[in-house]
Amino acid sequence: MELEGEQVAIDAEGVAAALNDADSVIIVPCYGMAVAQAQQAVSELTRKLRADGKTVRSPSIQSPVVCLAI
């Protein structure tokens, strides 16, 4: 499978700016987030984004194989 596109490095400030500019955000939970025990941080981020009027969706993906396919 050949991937097309461009990879762009981004830092925390860039992510913050992108989230601030977005109307809606989709957070895809995955195995890496579980391993990093990031659930609390993601929950807090979701709460703050919603408080700022953003639409935040986080689909439930139980299978790491499905997650890796996304």
N, C-alpha and C. Protein backbone atom coordinates (compact mmCIF):
# COMPACT_ATOMS: atom_id res chain seq x y z
N MET A 1 0.84 -1.17 0.00
CA MET A 1 0.00 0.00 0.00
C MET A 1 0.89 1.24 0.00
N GLU A 2 0.66 2.10 -0.92
CA GLU A 2 1.43 3.33 -1.01
C GLU A 2 0.64 4.48 -0.39
N LEU A 3 1.30 5.20 0.48
CA LEU A 3 0.66 6.34 1.12
C LEU A 3 1.08 7.61 0.42
N GLU A 4 0.14 8.48 0.22
CA GLU A 4 0.42 9.77 -0.39
C GLU A 4 0.14 10.86 0.61
N GLY A 5 0.80 11.97 0.44
CA GLY A 5 0.55 13.09 1.32
C GLY A 5 1.85 13.63 1.86
N GLU A 6 1.70 14.43 2.85
CA GLU A 6 2.84 15.12 3.42
C GLU A 6 2.80 14.99 4.93
N GLN A 7 3.94 14.68 5.51
CA GLN A 7 4.04 14.61 6.96
C GLN A 7 4.55 15.96 7.46
N VAL A 8 3.86 16.47 8.46
CA VAL A 8 4.23 17.77 9.01
C VAL A 8 4.45 17.61 10.52
N ALA A 9 5.61 18.00 10.98
CA ALA A 9 5.89 17.94 12.41
C ALA A 9 5.09 19.03 13.12
N ILE A 10 4.64 18.71 14.32
CA ILE A 10 3.85 19.68 15.08
C ILE A 10 4.21 19.52 16.56
N ASP A 11 4.25 20.62 17.26
CA ASP A 11 4.54 20.57 18.70
C ASP A 11 3.27 20.84 19.48
N ALA A 12 3.39 20.87 20.80
CA ALA A 12 2.21 21.05 21.66
C ALA A 12 1.49 22.37 21.38
N GLU A 13 2.24 23.43 21.11
CA GLU A 13 1.61 24.72 20.80
C GLU A 13 0.82 24.65 19.50
N GLY A 14 1.36 23.93 18.52
CA GLY A 14 0.65 23.76 17.25
C GLY A 14 -0.63 22.97 17.40
N VAL A 15 -0.57 21.94 18.23
CA VAL A 15 -1.77 21.14 18.51
C VAL A 15 -2.81 22.01 19.21
N ALA A 16 -2.37 22.80 20.19
CA ALA A 16 -3.29 23.68 20.91
C ALA A 16 -3.95 24.67 19.96
N ALA A 17 -3.18 25.23 19.04
CA ALA A 17 -3.74 26.18 18.08
C ALA A 17 -4.74 25.50 17.15
N ALA A 18 -4.41 24.30 16.69
CA ALA A 18 -5.31 23.56 15.79
C ALA A 18 -6.61 23.23 16.50
N LEU A 19 -6.53 22.79 17.75
CA LEU A 19 -7.73 22.47 18.51
C LEU A 19 -8.55 23.72 18.78
N ASN A 20 -7.89 24.82 19.03
CA ASN A 20 -8.58 26.08 19.28
C ASN A 20 -9.34 26.56 18.04
N ASP A 21 -8.76 26.33 16.87
CA ASP A 21 -9.37 26.77 15.62
C ASP A 21 -10.47 25.83 15.13
N ALA A 22 -10.51 24.61 15.64
CA ALA A 22 -11.46 23.61 15.16
C ALA A 22 -12.87 23.85 15.70
N ASP A 23 -13.86 23.50 14.88
CA ASP A 23 -15.25 23.51 15.35
C ASP A 23 -15.61 22.18 16.00
N SER A 24 -15.00 21.11 15.48
CA SER A 24 -15.26 19.79 16.04
C SER A 24 -13.96 18.98 16.03
N VAL A 25 -13.90 18.04 16.96
CA VAL A 25 -12.69 17.22 17.15
C VAL A 25 -13.14 15.77 17.31
N ILE A 26 -12.42 14.86 16.65
CA ILE A 26 -12.66 13.43 16.84
C ILE A 26 -11.40 12.85 17.48
N ILE A 27 -11.56 12.26 18.65
CA ILE A 27 -10.45 11.62 19.35
C ILE A 27 -10.63 10.12 19.18
N VAL A 28 -9.66 9.47 18.55
CA VAL A 28 -9.75 8.03 18.30
C VAL A 28 -8.95 7.30 19.37
N PRO A 29 -9.65 6.66 20.31
CA PRO A 29 -8.94 5.93 21.35
C PRO A 29 -8.23 4.72 20.74
N CYS A 30 -7.06 4.42 21.26
CA CYS A 30 -6.29 3.32 20.70
C CYS A 30 -5.44 2.67 21.78
N TYR A 31 -4.81 1.60 21.42
CA TYR A 31 -3.99 0.83 22.34
C TYR A 31 -2.91 1.68 23.00
N GLY A 32 -2.27 2.54 22.23
CA GLY A 32 -1.20 3.39 22.77
C GLY A 32 -1.69 4.31 23.86
N MET A 33 -2.90 4.80 23.73
CA MET A 33 -3.47 5.67 24.76
C MET A 33 -3.69 4.87 26.05
N ALA A 34 -4.11 3.62 25.91
CA ALA A 34 -4.32 2.77 27.08
C ALA A 34 -2.99 2.46 27.76
N VAL A 35 -1.98 2.12 26.96
CA VAL A 35 -0.67 1.81 27.52
C VAL A 35 -0.10 3.03 28.25
N ALA A 36 -0.31 4.22 27.69
CA ALA A 36 0.18 5.44 28.31
C ALA A 36 -0.70 5.91 29.46
N GLN A 37 -1.80 5.20 29.69
CA GLN A 37 -2.77 5.56 30.73
C GLN A 37 -3.21 7.02 30.57
N ALA A 38 -3.57 7.36 29.33
CA ALA A 38 -3.93 8.73 28.99
C ALA A 38 -5.41 9.03 29.14
N GLN A 39 -6.18 8.10 29.67
CA GLN A 39 -7.62 8.28 29.75
C GLN A 39 -8.00 9.54 30.51
N GLN A 40 -7.36 9.80 31.62
CA GLN A 40 -7.70 10.98 32.43
C GLN A 40 -7.36 12.26 31.68
N ALA A 41 -6.20 12.29 31.02
CA ALA A 41 -5.80 13.48 30.26
C ALA A 41 -6.75 13.73 29.10
N VAL A 42 -7.17 12.67 28.42
CA VAL A 42 -8.10 12.81 27.30
C VAL A 42 -9.46 13.28 27.81
N SER A 43 -9.88 12.76 28.95
CA SER A 43 -11.15 13.19 29.54
C SER A 43 -11.12 14.67 29.88
N GLU A 44 -10.03 15.13 30.45
CA GLU A 44 -9.89 16.55 30.79
C GLU A 44 -9.86 17.42 29.54
N LEU A 45 -9.13 16.97 28.52
CA LEU A 45 -9.08 17.70 27.25
C LEU A 45 -10.48 17.80 26.64
N THR A 46 -11.22 16.70 26.66
CA THR A 46 -12.58 16.68 26.12
C THR A 46 -13.46 17.67 26.88
N ARG A 47 -13.36 17.66 28.20
CA ARG A 47 -14.16 18.59 29.02
C ARG A 47 -13.85 20.04 28.67
N LYS A 48 -12.58 20.37 28.54
CA LYS A 48 -12.20 21.75 28.22
C LYS A 48 -12.66 22.15 26.82
N LEU A 49 -12.52 21.25 25.85
CA LEU A 49 -12.96 21.57 24.49
C LEU A 49 -14.47 21.79 24.45
N ARG A 50 -15.23 20.95 25.13
CA ARG A 50 -16.69 21.11 25.15
C ARG A 50 -17.09 22.39 25.87
N ALA A 51 -16.36 22.75 26.92
CA ALA A 51 -16.63 24.00 27.63
C ALA A 51 -16.40 25.21 26.72
N ASP A 52 -15.51 25.06 25.75
CA ASP A 52 -15.25 26.13 24.77
C ASP A 52 -16.20 26.07 23.58
N GLY A 53 -17.20 25.18 23.64
CA GLY A 53 -18.21 25.11 22.60
C GLY A 53 -17.85 24.21 21.43
N LYS A 54 -16.81 23.40 21.57
CA LYS A 54 -16.42 22.49 20.49
C LYS A 54 -17.25 21.22 20.56
N THR A 55 -17.48 20.61 19.42
CA THR A 55 -18.10 19.30 19.35
C THR A 55 -16.98 18.27 19.42
N VAL A 56 -17.04 17.37 20.39
CA VAL A 56 -16.01 16.36 20.56
C VAL A 56 -16.66 14.99 20.49
N ARG A 57 -16.14 14.16 19.60
CA ARG A 57 -16.63 12.78 19.48
C ARG A 57 -15.46 11.85 19.74
N SER A 58 -15.74 10.75 20.39
CA SER A 58 -14.73 9.74 20.66
C SER A 58 -15.37 8.37 20.49
N PRO A 59 -15.21 7.78 19.30
CA PRO A 59 -15.82 6.47 19.08
C PRO A 59 -15.18 5.42 19.97
N SER A 60 -15.96 4.45 20.36
CA SER A 60 -15.46 3.36 21.20
C SER A 60 -14.90 2.27 20.31
N ILE A 61 -13.61 2.05 20.41
CA ILE A 61 -12.97 0.98 19.64
C ILE A 61 -12.34 0.03 20.63
N GLN A 62 -12.86 -1.18 20.70
CA GLN A 62 -12.40 -2.15 21.68
C GLN A 62 -11.24 -2.99 21.17
N SER A 63 -11.12 -3.14 19.87
CA SER A 63 -10.12 -4.03 19.31
C SER A 63 -8.89 -3.26 18.84
N PRO A 64 -7.69 -3.60 19.36
CA PRO A 64 -6.47 -2.93 18.87
C PRO A 64 -6.25 -3.15 17.39
N VAL A 65 -6.71 -4.30 16.85
CA VAL A 65 -6.53 -4.56 15.42
C VAL A 65 -7.36 -3.58 14.60
N VAL A 66 -8.60 -3.34 15.01
CA VAL A 66 -9.44 -2.36 14.31
C VAL A 66 -8.82 -0.98 14.44
N CYS A 67 -8.32 -0.67 15.62
CA CYS A 67 -7.72 0.63 15.86
C CYS A 67 -6.53 0.84 14.94
N LEU A 68 -5.69 -0.15 14.79
CA LEU A 68 -4.51 -0.03 13.94
C LEU A 68 -4.90 0.11 12.47
N ALA A 69 -6.07 -0.38 12.11
CA ALA A 69 -6.51 -0.29 10.72
C ALA A 69 -7.01 1.09 10.36
N ILE A 70 -7.31 1.90 11.35
CA ILE A 70 -7.88 3.22 11.08
C ILE A 70 -6.87 4.16 10.59
